[in-house]
PDB file of N, CA and C in Angstrom:
ATOM      1  N   MET A   1     117.036  74.853 104.029  1.00  0.00           N
ATOM      2  CA  MET A   1     117.790  76.118 103.680  1.00  0.00           C
ATOM      3  C   MET A   1     116.990  77.346 103.344  1.00  0.00           C
ATOM      4  N   LEU A   2     116.915  78.485 103.870  1.00  0.00           N
ATOM      5  CA  LEU A   2     115.766  79.128 103.292  1.00  0.00           C
ATOM      6  C   LEU A   2     116.287  79.586 102.139  1.00  0.00           C
ATOM      7  N   GLU A   3     115.446  79.818 101.113  1.00  0.00           N
ATOM      8  CA  GLU A   3     116.339  80.520  99.607  1.00  0.00           C
ATOM      9  C   GLU A   3     115.227  81.622  99.259  1.00  0.00           C
ATOM     10  N   THR A   4     115.234  82.260  98.471  1.00  0.00           N
ATOM     11  CA  THR A   4     114.331  83.377  98.084  1.00  0.00           C
ATOM     12  C   THR A   4     113.279  82.167  97.059  1.00  0.00           C
ATOM     13  N   GLY A   5     112.165  82.581  96.662  1.00  0.00           N
ATOM     14  CA  GLY A   5     111.155  81.907  95.642  1.00  0.00           C
ATOM     15  C   GLY A   5     110.965  81.099  96.561  1.00  0.00           C
ATOM     16  N   LEU A   6     110.375  80.661  97.395  1.00  0.00           N
ATOM     17  CA  LEU A   6     110.153  79.187  98.447  1.00  0.00           C
ATOM     18  C   LEU A   6     108.566  79.839  98.150  1.00  0.00           C
ATOM     19  N   VAL A   7     107.551  79.191  97.996  1.00  0.00           N
ATOM     20  CA  VAL A   7     106.021  79.457  97.664  1.00  0.00           C
ATOM     21  C   VAL A   7     105.108  78.642  98.018  1.00  0.00           C
ATOM     22  N   HIS A   8     104.278  78.531  99.473  1.00  0.00           N
ATOM     23  CA  HIS A   8     103.026  77.738  99.816  1.00  0.00           C
ATOM     24  C   HIS A   8     102.018  78.620 100.172  1.00  0.00           C
ATOM     25  N   THR A   9     100.833  77.949  99.440  1.00  0.00           N
ATOM     26  CA  THR A   9      99.531  78.098  99.158  1.00  0.00           C
ATOM     27  C   THR A   9      98.511  77.664 100.005  1.00  0.00           C
ATOM     28  N   SER A  10      98.344  78.812 101.185  1.00  0.00           N
ATOM     29  CA  SER A  10      97.077  78.309 101.943  1.00  0.00           C
ATOM     30  C   SER A  10      95.328  78.308 101.536  1.00  0.00           C
ATOM     31  N   VAL A  11      94.106  77.280 101.777  1.00  0.00           N
ATOM     32  CA  VAL A  11      93.034  77.182 101.491  1.00  0.00           C
ATOM     33  C   VAL A  11      92.335  77.145 102.532  1.00  0.00           C
ATOM     34  N   LEU A  12      91.487  78.353 102.318  1.00  0.00           N
ATOM     35  CA  LEU A  12      90.330  78.389 103.254  1.00  0.00           C
ATOM     36  C   LEU A  12      88.681  78.603 102.837  1.00  0.00           C
ATOM     37  N   SER A  13      87.947  77.004 102.810  1.00  0.00           N
ATOM     38  CA  SER A  13      86.704  77.532 102.368  1.00  0.00           C
ATOM     39  C   SER A  13      85.645  79.015 103.381  1.00  0.00           C
ATOM     40  N   VAL A  14      85.118  79.981 103.217  1.00  0.00           N
ATOM     41  CA  VAL A  14      84.567  81.003 103.673  1.00  0.00           C
ATOM     42  C   VAL A  14      83.219  80.115 104.788  1.00  0.00           C
ATOM     43  N   LYS A  15      83.520  80.151 106.247  1.00  0.00           N
ATOM     44  CA  LYS A  15      82.687  79.521 106.920  1.00  0.00           C
ATOM     45  C   LYS A  15      81.683  81.220 108.058  1.00  0.00           C
ATOM     46  N   GLU A  16      80.893  81.078 108.577  1.00  0.00           N
ATOM     47  CA  GLU A  16      80.011  82.385 109.035  1.00  0.00           C
ATOM     48  C   GLU A  16      81.199  82.783 109.801  1.00  0.00           C
ATOM     49  N   GLU A  17      81.681  81.965 110.431  1.00  0.00           N
ATOM     50  CA  GLU A  17      82.892  82.426 111.614  1.00  0.00           C
ATOM     51  C   GLU A  17      83.962  83.524 111.127  1.00  0.00           C
ATOM     52  N   ASP A  18      83.879  83.394 109.856  1.00  0.00           N
ATOM     53  CA  ASP A  18      85.259  84.165 109.404  1.00  0.00           C
ATOM     54  C   ASP A  18      84.727  85.322 108.518  1.00  0.00           C
ATOM     55  N   THR A  19      83.241  85.587 108.886  1.00  0.00           N
ATOM     56  CA  THR A  19      82.579  87.292 107.968  1.00  0.00           C
ATOM     57  C   THR A  19      83.103  87.683 108.852  1.00  0.00           C
ATOM     58  N   ALA A  20      82.788  88.987 108.364  1.00  0.00           N
ATOM     59  CA  ALA A  20      82.690  90.683 109.109  1.00  0.00           C
ATOM     60  C   ALA A  20      82.396  90.202 110.338  1.00  0.00           C
ATOM     61  N   ILE A  21      80.634  90.320 110.127  1.00  0.00           N
ATOM     62  CA  ILE A  21      80.218  90.639 111.061  1.00  0.00           C
ATOM     63  C   ILE A  21      80.706  89.775 112.544  1.00  0.00           C
ATOM     64  N   ALA A  22      81.006  88.176 111.810  1.00  0.00           N
ATOM     65  CA  ALA A  22      81.637  87.607 113.353  1.00  0.00           C
ATOM     66  C   ALA A  22      82.877  88.204 113.781  1.00  0.00           C
ATOM     67  N   MET A  23      83.579  88.365 113.150  1.00  0.00           N
ATOM     68  CA  MET A  23      85.236  89.405 113.394  1.00  0.00           C
ATOM     69  C   MET A  23      84.696  90.401 114.340  1.00  0.00           C
ATOM     70  N   GLY A  24      83.452  90.937 113.917  1.00  0.00           N
ATOM     71  CA  GLY A  24      83.594  92.806 114.283  1.00  0.00           C
ATOM     72  C   GLY A  24      84.238  93.695 113.099  1.00  0.00           C
ATOM     73  N   SER A  25      84.596  93.056 112.502  1.00  0.00           N
ATOM     74  CA  SER A  25      85.374  93.792 111.589  1.00  0.00           C
ATOM     75  C   SER A  25      84.875  95.046 110.897  1.00  0.00           C
ATOM     76  N   GLY A  26      83.035  94.343 110.811  1.00  0.00           N
ATOM     77  CA  GLY A  26      81.978  95.027 109.849  1.00  0.00           C
ATOM     78  C   GLY A  26      80.886  94.416 110.211  1.00  0.00           C
ATOM     79  N   ASP A  27      79.873  95.050 109.157  1.00  0.00           N
ATOM     80  CA  ASP A  27      78.188  94.289 109.179  1.00  0.00           C
ATOM     81  C   ASP A  27      77.873  93.620 108.340  1.00  0.00           C
ATOM     82  N   ILE A  28      78.954  93.272 107.165  1.00  0.00           N
ATOM     83  CA  ILE A  28      78.233  92.714 105.779  1.00  0.00           C
ATOM     84  C   ILE A  28      78.824  91.231 106.222  1.00  0.00           C
ATOM     85  N   PRO A  29      77.897  90.176 105.633  1.00  0.00           N
ATOM     86  CA  PRO A  29      78.739  88.415 105.716  1.00  0.00           C
ATOM     87  C   PRO A  29      79.594  88.161 104.728  1.00  0.00           C
ATOM     88  N   VAL A  30      80.970  88.769 104.587  1.00  0.00           N
ATOM     89  CA  VAL A  30      81.255  87.893 103.509  1.00  0.00           C
ATOM     90  C   VAL A  30      83.109  88.168 104.370  1.00  0.00           C
ATOM     91  N   LEU A  31      83.463  87.298 103.998  1.00  0.00           N
ATOM     92  CA  LEU A  31      84.882  87.254 104.385  1.00  0.00           C
ATOM     93  C   LEU A  31      85.366  88.670 104.964  1.00  0.00           C
ATOM     94  N   ALA A  32      86.340  88.657 106.311  1.00  0.00           N
ATOM     95  CA  ALA A  32      86.583  90.289 107.109  1.00  0.00           C
ATOM     96  C   ALA A  32      87.803  89.982 106.393  1.00  0.00           C
ATOM     97  N   THR A  33      88.307  91.227 106.595  1.00  0.00           N
ATOM     98  CA  THR A  33      89.655  91.795 106.272  1.00  0.00           C
ATOM     99  C   THR A  33      90.499  90.422 107.492  1.00  0.00           C
ATOM    100  N   PRO A  34      90.620  90.861 108.579  1.00  0.00           N
ATOM    101  CA  PRO A  34      91.232  89.843 109.305  1.00  0.00           C
ATOM    102  C   PRO A  34      91.424  88.290 109.229  1.00  0.00           C
ATOM    103  N   ALA A  35      90.610  88.038 108.520  1.00  0.00           N
ATOM    104  CA  ALA A  35      90.511  86.374 107.821  1.00  0.00           C
ATOM    105  C   ALA A  35      91.387  86.292 107.056  1.00  0.00           C
ATOM    106  N   MET A  36      91.315  87.319 106.309  1.00  0.00           N
ATOM    107  CA  MET A  36      91.878  86.921 105.097  1.00  0.00           C
ATOM    108  C   MET A  36      93.813  87.261 104.985  1.00  0.00           C
ATOM    109  N   ILE A  37      93.730  88.359 106.062  1.00  0.00           N
ATOM    110  CA  ILE A  37      94.972  88.307 106.462  1.00  0.00           C
ATOM    111  C   ILE A  37      95.712  87.286 106.915  1.00  0.00           C
ATOM    112  N   ALA A  38      94.730  86.111 108.203  1.00  0.00           N
ATOM    113  CA  ALA A  38      95.168  85.675 108.442  1.00  0.00           C
ATOM    114  C   ALA A  38      95.882  84.255 107.913  1.00  0.00           C
ATOM    115  N   LEU A  39      94.999  83.799 107.133  1.00  0.00           N
ATOM    116  CA  LEU A  39      94.789  82.787 105.865  1.00  0.00           C
ATOM    117  C   LEU A  39      96.505  83.239 105.170  1.00  0.00           C
ATOM    118  N   MET A  40      96.696  84.819 104.518  1.00  0.00           N
ATOM    119  CA  MET A  40      98.359  85.028 104.436  1.00  0.00           C
ATOM    120  C   MET A  40      99.442  84.525 105.231  1.00  0.00           C
ATOM    121  N   GLU A  41      98.924  85.418 106.451  1.00  0.00           N
ATOM    122  CA  GLU A  41      99.632  84.782 107.404  1.00  0.00           C
ATOM    123  C   GLU A  41     100.011  83.908 107.687  1.00  0.00           C
ATOM    124  N   ASN A  42      99.502  82.761 107.157  1.00  0.00           N
ATOM    125  CA  ASN A  42      99.487  81.434 107.352  1.00  0.00           C
ATOM    126  C   ASN A  42     100.537  81.012 105.769  1.00  0.00           C
ATOM    127  N   ALA A  43     100.026  81.445 104.748  1.00  0.00           N
ATOM    128  CA  ALA A  43     100.524  80.692 103.847  1.00  0.00           C
ATOM    129  C   ALA A  43     101.975  81.138 104.156  1.00  0.00           C
ATOM    130  N   ALA A  44     102.292  82.526 104.340  1.00  0.00           N
ATOM    131  CA  ALA A  44     103.534  83.000 104.983  1.00  0.00           C
ATOM    132  C   ALA A  44     104.674  81.795 105.574  1.00  0.00           C
ATOM    133  N   MET A  45     103.783  82.177 106.500  1.00  0.00           N
ATOM    134  CA  MET A  45     104.384  80.420 107.836  1.00  0.00           C
ATOM    135  C   MET A  45     104.653  79.506 107.120  1.00  0.00           C
ATOM    136  N   LEU A  46     103.897  78.651 106.854  1.00  0.00           N
ATOM    137  CA  LEU A  46     104.373  77.917 106.581  1.00  0.00           C
ATOM    138  C   LEU A  46     105.540  77.156 105.240  1.00  0.00           C
ATOM    139  N   THR A  47     105.082  78.463 104.120  1.00  0.00           N
ATOM    140  CA  THR A  47     106.621  78.893 103.020  1.00  0.00           C
ATOM    141  C   THR A  47     107.465  78.000 103.570  1.00  0.00           C
ATOM    142  N   VAL A  48     108.022  78.570 105.047  1.00  0.00           N
ATOM    143  CA  VAL A  48     109.444  78.250 105.628  1.00  0.00           C
ATOM    144  C   VAL A  48     109.634  77.347 106.617  1.00  0.00           C
ATOM    145  N   ALA A  49     108.181  76.922 107.062  1.00  0.00           N
ATOM    146  CA  ALA A  49     108.032  76.320 108.173  1.00  0.00           C
ATOM    147  C   ALA A  49     109.141  74.992 108.237  1.00  0.00           C
ATOM    148  N   SER A  50     109.036  74.307 107.231  1.00  0.00           N
ATOM    149  CA  SER A  50     109.706  73.332 107.086  1.00  0.00           C
ATOM    150  C   SER A  50     111.357  73.443 107.227  1.00  0.00           C
ATOM    151  N   GLN A  51     112.124  74.637 106.169  1.00  0.00           N
ATOM    152  CA  GLN A  51     113.438  74.735 106.377  1.00  0.00           C
ATOM    153  C   GLN A  51     113.966  75.164 107.523  1.00  0.00           C
ATOM    154  N   LEU A  52     113.127  75.620 108.801  1.00  0.00           N
ATOM    155  CA  LEU A  52     113.877  76.084 110.091  1.00  0.00           C
ATOM    156  C   LEU A  52     114.421  74.697 110.246  1.00  0.00           C
ATOM    157  N   PRO A  53     115.202  75.294 111.356  1.00  0.00           N
ATOM    158  CA  PRO A  53     115.836  74.585 112.767  1.00  0.00           C
ATOM    159  C   PRO A  53     115.342  74.229 113.548  1.00  0.00           C
ATOM    160  N   GLU A  54     115.126  72.866 113.793  1.00  0.00           N
ATOM    161  CA  GLU A  54     114.218  71.958 114.941  1.00  0.00           C
ATOM    162  C   GLU A  54     114.223  73.930 116.377  1.00  0.00           C
ATOM    163  N   GLY A  55     113.203  73.459 116.517  1.00  0.00           N
ATOM    164  CA  GLY A  55     112.949  74.251 117.672  1.00  0.00           C
ATOM    165  C   GLY A  55     112.832  76.715 117.558  1.00  0.00           C
ATOM    166  N   TYR A  56     112.540  76.370 115.939  1.00  0.00           N
ATOM    167  CA  TYR A  56     112.962  77.554 115.401  1.00  0.00           C
ATOM    168  C   TYR A  56     111.922  77.960 114.515  1.00  0.00           C
ATOM    169  N   THR A  57     110.558  78.873 114.998  1.00  0.00           N
ATOM    170  CA  THR A  57     109.747  79.349 114.122  1.00  0.00           C
ATOM    171  C   THR A  57     109.740  80.875 113.441  1.00  0.00           C
ATOM    172  N   THR A  58     108.338  81.392 112.848  1.00  0.00           N
ATOM    173  CA  THR A  58     108.157  82.629 112.362  1.00  0.00           C
ATOM    174  C   THR A  58     107.602  83.665 112.767  1.00  0.00           C
ATOM    175  N   VAL A  59     107.407  84.626 113.337  1.00  0.00           N
ATOM    176  CA  VAL A  59     106.545  85.075 113.768  1.00  0.00           C
ATOM    177  C   VAL A  59     105.878  86.516 112.947  1.00  0.00           C
ATOM    178  N   GLY A  60     104.704  86.804 113.066  1.00  0.00           N
ATOM    179  CA  GLY A  60     104.705  88.436 112.199  1.00  0.00           C
ATOM    180  C   GLY A  60     105.391  89.213 113.048  1.00  0.00           C
ATOM    181  N   GLY A  61     105.090  90.816 111.758  1.00  0.00           N
ATOM    182  CA  GLY A  61     106.391  91.911 112.245  1.00  0.00           C
ATOM    183  C   GLY A  61     105.630  92.555 111.640  1.00  0.00           C
ATOM    184  N   GLN A  62     105.347  93.036 110.595  1.00  0.00           N
ATOM    185  CA  GLN A  62     104.353  93.626 109.343  1.00  0.00           C
ATOM    186  C   GLN A  62     103.554  92.895 108.332  1.00  0.00           C
ATOM    187  N   ILE A  63     102.323  93.609 107.928  1.00  0.00           N
ATOM    188  CA  ILE A  63     101.378  93.179 107.177  1.00  0.00           C
ATOM    189  C   ILE A  63     101.224  95.045 106.237  1.00  0.00           C
ATOM    190  N   SER A  64     101.517  94.699 105.048  1.00  0.00           N
ATOM    191  CA  SER A  64     100.161  96.310 104.503  1.00  0.00           C
ATOM    192  C   SER A  64      99.328  95.010 103.389  1.00  0.00           C
ATOM    193  N   ILE A  65      98.155  95.153 103.584  1.00  0.00           N
ATOM    194  CA  ILE A  65      97.382  94.711 102.722  1.00  0.00           C
ATOM    195  C   ILE A  65      96.269  95.436 101.946  1.00  0.00           C
ATOM    196  N   SER A  66      96.083  95.096 100.837  1.00  0.00           N
ATOM    197  CA  SER A  66      94.798  95.906  99.901  1.00  0.00           C
ATOM    198  C   SER A  66      93.891  94.693 100.096  1.00  0.00           C
ATOM    199  N   HIS A  67      92.736  94.680 100.555  1.00  0.00           N
ATOM    200  CA  HIS A  67      91.762  93.970 100.202  1.00  0.00           C
ATOM    201  C   HIS A  67      90.554  95.000  99.670  1.00  0.00           C
ATOM    202  N   MET A  68      90.901  93.521  97.765  1.00  0.00           N
ATOM    203  CA  MET A  68      89.682  94.661  97.335  1.00  0.00           C
ATOM    204  C   MET A  68      88.722  94.031  96.691  1.00  0.00           C
ATOM    205  N   ARG A  69      87.916  93.092  97.137  1.00  0.00           N
ATOM    206  CA  ARG A  69      87.073  92.032  96.622  1.00  0.00           C
ATOM    207  C   ARG A  69      86.057  91.314  97.167  1.00  0.00           C
ATOM    208  N   PRO A  70      84.810  90.928  97.457  1.00  0.00           N
ATOM    209  CA  PRO A  70      84.581  90.307  98.705  1.00  0.00           C
ATOM    210  C   PRO A  70      84.656  89.126  98.361  1.00  0.00           C
ATOM    211  N   ALA A  71      84.514  88.075  99.477  1.00  0.00           N
ATOM    212  CA  ALA A  71      83.768  86.598  99.281  1.00  0.00           C
ATOM    213  C   ALA A  71      83.461  86.315  99.962  1.00  0.00           C
ATOM    214  N   ALA A  72      82.304  85.606  99.584  1.00  0.00           N
ATOM    215  CA  ALA A  72      80.727  85.525 100.271  1.00  0.00           C
ATOM    216  C   ALA A  72      81.189  83.621 100.993  1.00  0.00           C
ATOM    217  N   ILE A  73      80.399  83.695 101.465  1.00  0.00           N
ATOM    218  CA  ILE A  73      80.336  82.438 102.964  1.00  0.00           C
ATOM    219  C   ILE A  73      79.983  81.417 101.647  1.00  0.00           C
ATOM    220  N   GLY A  74      80.294  80.003 101.649  1.00  0.00           N
ATOM    221  CA  GLY A  74      80.984  79.168 100.899  1.00  0.00           C
ATOM    222  C   GLY A  74      82.278  79.107  99.856  1.00  0.00           C
ATOM    223  N   SER A  75      82.712  80.712 100.338  1.00  0.00           N
ATOM    224  CA  SER A  75      83.876  80.127  99.141  1.00  0.00           C
ATOM    225  C   SER A  75      85.148  80.111  98.871  1.00  0.00           C
ATOM    226  N   ILE A  76      85.912  79.406  98.313  1.00  0.00           N
ATOM    227  CA  ILE A  76      86.616  78.873  98.283  1.00  0.00           C
ATOM    228  C   ILE A  76      87.940  80.138  98.497  1.00  0.00           C
ATOM    229  N   VAL A  77      88.751  80.254  99.390  1.00  0.00           N
ATOM    230  CA  VAL A  77      89.692  81.055  98.420  1.00  0.00           C
ATOM    231  C   VAL A  77      90.873  80.448  99.065  1.00  0.00           C
ATOM    232  N   THR A  78      92.539  81.389  98.383  1.00  0.00           N
ATOM    233  CA  THR A  78      94.002  80.354  98.608  1.00  0.00           C
ATOM    234  C   THR A  78      94.866  82.288  98.784  1.00  0.00           C
ATOM    235  N   ALA A  79      95.779  81.641  99.537  1.00  0.00           N
ATOM    236  CA  ALA A  79      96.787  83.071  99.783  1.00  0.00           C
ATOM    237  C   ALA A  79      97.310  82.564  99.347  1.00  0.00           C
ATOM    238  N   THR A  80      98.179  83.152  98.928  1.00  0.00           N
ATOM    239  CA  THR A  80      99.758  82.407  97.996  1.00  0.00           C
ATOM    240  C   THR A  80     100.930  83.190  99.065  1.00  0.00           C
ATOM    241  N   ALA A  81     102.069  82.584  99.299  1.00  0.00           N
ATOM    242  CA  ALA A  81     102.610  83.598 100.094  1.00  0.00           C
ATOM    243  C   ALA A  81     103.921  83.136  99.215  1.00  0.00           C
ATOM    244  N   VAL A  82     104.914  84.383  98.916  1.00  0.00           N
ATOM    245  CA  VAL A  82     106.183  84.284  98.072  1.00  0.00           C
ATOM    246  C   VAL A  82     107.519  84.702  98.692  1.00  0.00           C
ATOM    247  N   LEU A  83     108.761  84.090  98.910  1.00  0.00           N
ATOM    248  CA  LEU A  83     109.456  84.422  99.683  1.00  0.00           C
ATOM    249  C   LEU A  83     110.274  85.059  99.325  1.00  0.00           C
ATOM    250  N   GLU A  84     110.310  86.725  98.998  1.00  0.00           N
ATOM    251  CA  GLU A  84     111.170  87.544  97.774  1.00  0.00           C
ATOM    252  C   GLU A  84     112.463  87.546  98.864  1.00  0.00           C
ATOM    253  N   ASN A  85     112.538  87.944 100.097  1.00  0.00           N
ATOM    254  CA  ASN A  85     113.986  88.711 100.721  1.00  0.00           C
ATOM    255  C   ASN A  85     114.123  88.190 102.337  1.00  0.00           C
ATOM    256  N   ILE A  86     115.788  87.977 102.138  1.00  0.00           N
ATOM    257  CA  ILE A  86     115.828  87.292 102.791  1.00  0.00           C
ATOM    258  C   ILE A  86     117.208  87.874 103.794  1.00  0.00           C
ATOM    259  N   ASP A  87     116.736  88.614 105.285  1.00  0.00           N
ATOM    260  CA  ASP A  87     117.479  89.749 105.480  1.00  0.00           C
ATOM    261  C   ASP A  87     117.899  89.122 106.704  1.00  0.00           C
ATOM    262  N   GLY A  88     119.182  88.301 107.518  1.00  0.00           N
ATOM    263  CA  GLY A  88     119.510  88.089 108.868  1.00  0.00           C
ATOM    264  C   GLY A  88     118.531  87.509 108.938  1.00  0.00           C
ATOM    265  N   LYS A  89     116.980  87.713 110.149  1.00  0.00           N
ATOM    266  CA  LYS A  89     116.252  86.794 110.654  1.00  0.00           C
ATOM    267  C   LYS A  89     115.314  87.667 110.106  1.00  0.00           C
ATOM    268  N   LYS A  90     115.196  88.421 109.114  1.00  0.00           N
ATOM    269  CA  LYS A  90     114.003  89.245 108.451  1.00  0.00           C
ATOM    270  C   LYS A  90     113.389  88.310 107.384  1.00  0.00           C
ATOM    271  N   LEU A  91     112.491  88.579 107.380  1.00  0.00           N
ATOM    272  CA  LEU A  91     111.565  87.542 105.719  1.00  0.00           C
ATOM    273  C   LEU A  91     110.430  88.487 105.184  1.00  0.00           C
ATOM    274  N   PHE A  92     110.860  87.829 104.469  1.00  0.00           N
ATOM    275  CA  PHE A  92     109.831  89.706 103.444  1.00  0.00           C
ATOM    276  C   PHE A  92     109.395  88.547 102.567  1.00  0.00           C
ATOM    277  N   PHE A  93     107.628  88.690 102.128  1.00  0.00           N
ATOM    278  CA  PHE A  93     107.280  88.114 101.361  1.00  0.00           C
ATOM    279  C   PHE A  93     106.323  89.005 100.636  1.00  0.00           C
ATOM    280  N   ARG A  94     105.892  88.328  99.442  1.00  0.00           N
ATOM    281  CA  ARG A  94     104.563  88.966  98.962  1.00  0.00           C
ATOM    282  C   ARG A  94     103.693  87.665  99.495  1.00  0.00           C
ATOM    283  N   VAL A  95     102.217  88.504  99.518  1.00  0.00           N
ATOM    284  CA  VAL A  95     100.845  87.892  99.608  1.00  0.00           C
ATOM    285  C   VAL A  95      99.803  87.885  98.667  1.00  0.00           C
ATOM    286  N   GLU A  96      99.247  87.089  98.088  1.00  0.00           N
ATOM    287  CA  GLU A  96      98.057  87.496  97.386  1.00  0.00           C
ATOM    288  C   GLU A  96      96.775  86.249  97.711  1.00  0.00           C
ATOM    289  N   ALA A  97      95.277  86.910  98.102  1.00  0.00           N
ATOM    290  CA  ALA A  97      94.340  85.933  98.027  1.00  0.00           C
ATOM    291  C   ALA A  97      93.794  86.112  96.518  1.00  0.00           C
ATOM    292  N   ARG A  98      93.276  84.690  96.247  1.00  0.00           N
ATOM    293  CA  ARG A  98      91.886  85.076  95.254  1.00  0.00           C
ATOM    294  C   ARG A  98      90.545  83.957  95.294  1.00  0.00           C
ATOM    295  N   GLN A  99      89.866  84.261  94.903  1.00  0.00           N
ATOM    296  CA  GLN A  99      88.828  83.704  94.732  1.00  0.00           C
ATOM    297  C   GLN A  99      89.094  83.443  93.431  1.00  0.00           C
ATOM    298  N   ASN A 100      88.964  81.934  93.312  1.00  0.00           N
ATOM    299  CA  ASN A 100      89.073  81.162  91.655  1.00  0.00           C
ATOM    300  C   ASN A 100      90.509  82.214  91.263  1.00  0.00           C
ATOM    301  N   GLU A 101      89.899  82.683  90.229  1.00  0.00           N
ATOM    302  CA  GLU A 101      91.439  83.319  89.038  1.00  0.00           C
ATOM    303  C   GLU A 101      91.421  84.742  89.574  1.00  0.00           C
ATOM    304  N   GLU A 102      90.428  85.803  90.250  1.00  0.00           N
ATOM    305  CA  GLU A 102      90.031  86.792  90.750  1.00  0.00           C
ATOM    306  C   GLU A 102      90.656  87.501  91.825  1.00  0.00           C
ATOM    307  N   VAL A 103      91.915  87.780  91.862  1.00  0.00           N
ATOM    308  CA  VAL A 103      93.142  88.992  92.880  1.00  0.00           C
ATOM    309  C   VAL A 103      91.935  89.219  93.902  1.00  0.00           C
ATOM    310  N   ILE A 104      91.818  89.020  95.223  1.00  0.00           N
ATOM    311  CA  ILE A 104      91.081  89.970  96.283  1.00  0.00           C
ATOM    312  C   ILE A 104      91.690  90.586  96.808  1.00  0.00           C
ATOM    313  N   GLY A 105      92.458  90.191  97.203  1.00  0.00           N
ATOM    314  CA  GLY A 105      93.766  91.196  97.767  1.00  0.00           C
ATOM    315  C   GLY A 105      95.596  90.604  97.578  1.00  0.00           C
ATOM    316  N   GLU A 106      96.129  91.738  98.646  1.00  0.00           N
ATOM    317  CA  GLU A 106      97.244  91.810  98.125  1.00  0.00           C
ATOM    318  C   GLU A 106      97.983  92.486  99.338  1.00  0.00           C
ATOM    319  N   GLY A 107      99.392  91.874  98.862  1.00  0.00           N
ATOM    320  CA  GLY A 107      99.640  93.253 100.006  1.00  0.00           C
ATOM    321  C   GLY A 107     101.880  92.555 100.239  1.00  0.00           C
ATOM    322  N   THR A 108     102.047  92.921 101.664  1.00  0.00           N
ATOM    323  CA  THR A 108     103.734  92.432 101.617  1.00  0.00           C
ATOM    324  C   THR A 108     103.301  92.052 103.324  1.00  0.00           C
ATOM    325  N   HIS A 109     104.617  91.342 103.511  1.00  0.00           N
ATOM    326  CA  HIS A 109     104.370  90.564 105.088  1.00  0.00           C
ATOM    327  C   HIS A 109     105.970  90.266 105.270  1.00  0.00           C
ATOM    328  N   LEU A 110     105.824  90.985 106.927  1.00  0.00           N
ATOM    329  CA  LEU A 110     107.397  90.504 106.871  1.00  0.00           C
ATOM    330  C   LEU A 110     107.353  89.740 108.018  1.00  0.00           C
ATOM    331  N   ARG A 111     108.300  88.359 108.621  1.00  0.00           N
ATOM    332  CA  ARG A 111     107.970  87.717 109.664  1.00  0.00           C
ATOM    333  C   ARG A 111     109.332  87.447 110.001  1.00  0.00           C
ATOM    334  N   TYR A 112     109.722  87.549 111.501  1.00  0.00           N
ATOM    335  CA  TYR A 112     111.291  87.088 112.276  1.00  0.00           C
ATOM    336  C   TYR A 112     111.159  85.575 112.493  1.00  0.00           C
ATOM    337  N   ILE A 113     112.215  85.680 112.364  1.00  0.00           N
ATOM    338  CA  ILE A 113     112.897  83.671 112.613  1.00  0.00           C
ATOM    339  C   ILE A 113     112.445  83.676 113.955  1.00  0.00           C
ATOM    340  N   VAL A 114     112.635  83.358 115.065  1.00  0.00           N
ATOM    341  CA  VAL A 114     112.698  83.060 116.437  1.00  0.00           C
ATOM    342  C   VAL A 114     112.710  81.813 116.303  1.00  0.00           C
ATOM    343  N   GLU A 115     113.864  81.957 118.343  1.00  0.00           N
ATOM    344  CA  GLU A 115     113.933  80.969 118.840  1.00  0.00           C
ATOM    345  C   GLU A 115     112.489  80.120 119.545  1.00  0.00           C
ATOM    346  N   ARG A 116     111.535  79.362 119.342  1.00  0.00           N
ATOM    347  CA  ARG A 116     110.154  79.449 119.885  1.00  0.00           C
ATOM    348  C   ARG A 116     110.387  79.838 121.748  1.00  0.00           C
ATOM    349  N   GLU A 117     111.665  78.996 122.271  1.00  0.00           N
ATOM    350  CA  GLU A 117     111.670  78.408 123.782  1.00  0.00           C
ATOM    351  C   GLU A 117     112.000  80.253 124.397  1.00  0.00           C
ATOM    352  N   LYS A 118     112.972  81.186 123.469  1.00  0.00           N
ATOM    353  CA  LYS A 118     112.786  82.263 124.705  1.00  0.00           C
ATOM    354  C   LYS A 118     112.274  83.491 123.817  1.00  0.00           C
ATOM    355  N   PHE A 119     111.715  83.473 122.489  1.00  0.00           N
ATOM    356  CA  PHE A 119     110.221  84.139 122.401  1.00  0.00           C
ATOM    357  C   PHE A 119     109.149  83.608 123.466  1.00  0.00           C
ATOM    358  N   LEU A 120     109.266  82.603 123.576  1.00  0.00           N
ATOM    359  CA  LEU A 120     107.689  82.550 125.062  1.00  0.00           C
ATOM    360  C   LEU A 120     107.888  82.707 126.171  1.00  0.00           C
ATOM    361  N   ALA A 121     109.485  82.995 126.556  1.00  0.00           N
ATOM    362  CA  ALA A 121     110.122  83.097 128.202  1.00  0.00           C
ATOM    363  C   ALA A 121     110.427  84.769 127.915  1.00  0.00           C
ATOM    364  N   SER A 122     110.070  85.189 126.697  1.00  0.00           N
ATOM    365  CA  SER A 122     109.791  87.013 127.272  1.00  0.00           C
ATOM    366  C   SER A 122     108.561  87.588 127.391  1.00  0.00           C
ATOM    367  N   VAL A 123     107.599  86.822 127.230  1.00  0.00           N
ATOM    368  CA  VAL A 123     106.034  87.434 127.802  1.00  0.00           C
ATOM    369  C   VAL A 123     105.752  86.962 128.107  1.00  0.00           C
TER     370      VAL A 123
END
């Protein structure tokens, strides 16, 4: 049963393939913004995954993020998602990324509940 307040934290040990250089989003060997966003989306997805009926999943619809601080290769970064609002099939999350106790990114994320087979049939 979905309810507001559900929380999940995902963890990433920053590797070479997670850097801005590797992802083509920059030319510095630090955690790429796309990698941080993927970690945040993963946390949001996993926040509700076990609460959905069989055959259902969520897909990202919108994300608004500030990436405020770098994280070096070898750093441990956590992303926490909190389900703040439910509007039918729309799920609204607050997301935050941290390296140790320092916030390095934050924002909001919207995900939609979809029936997996119907969604795949539409692509």
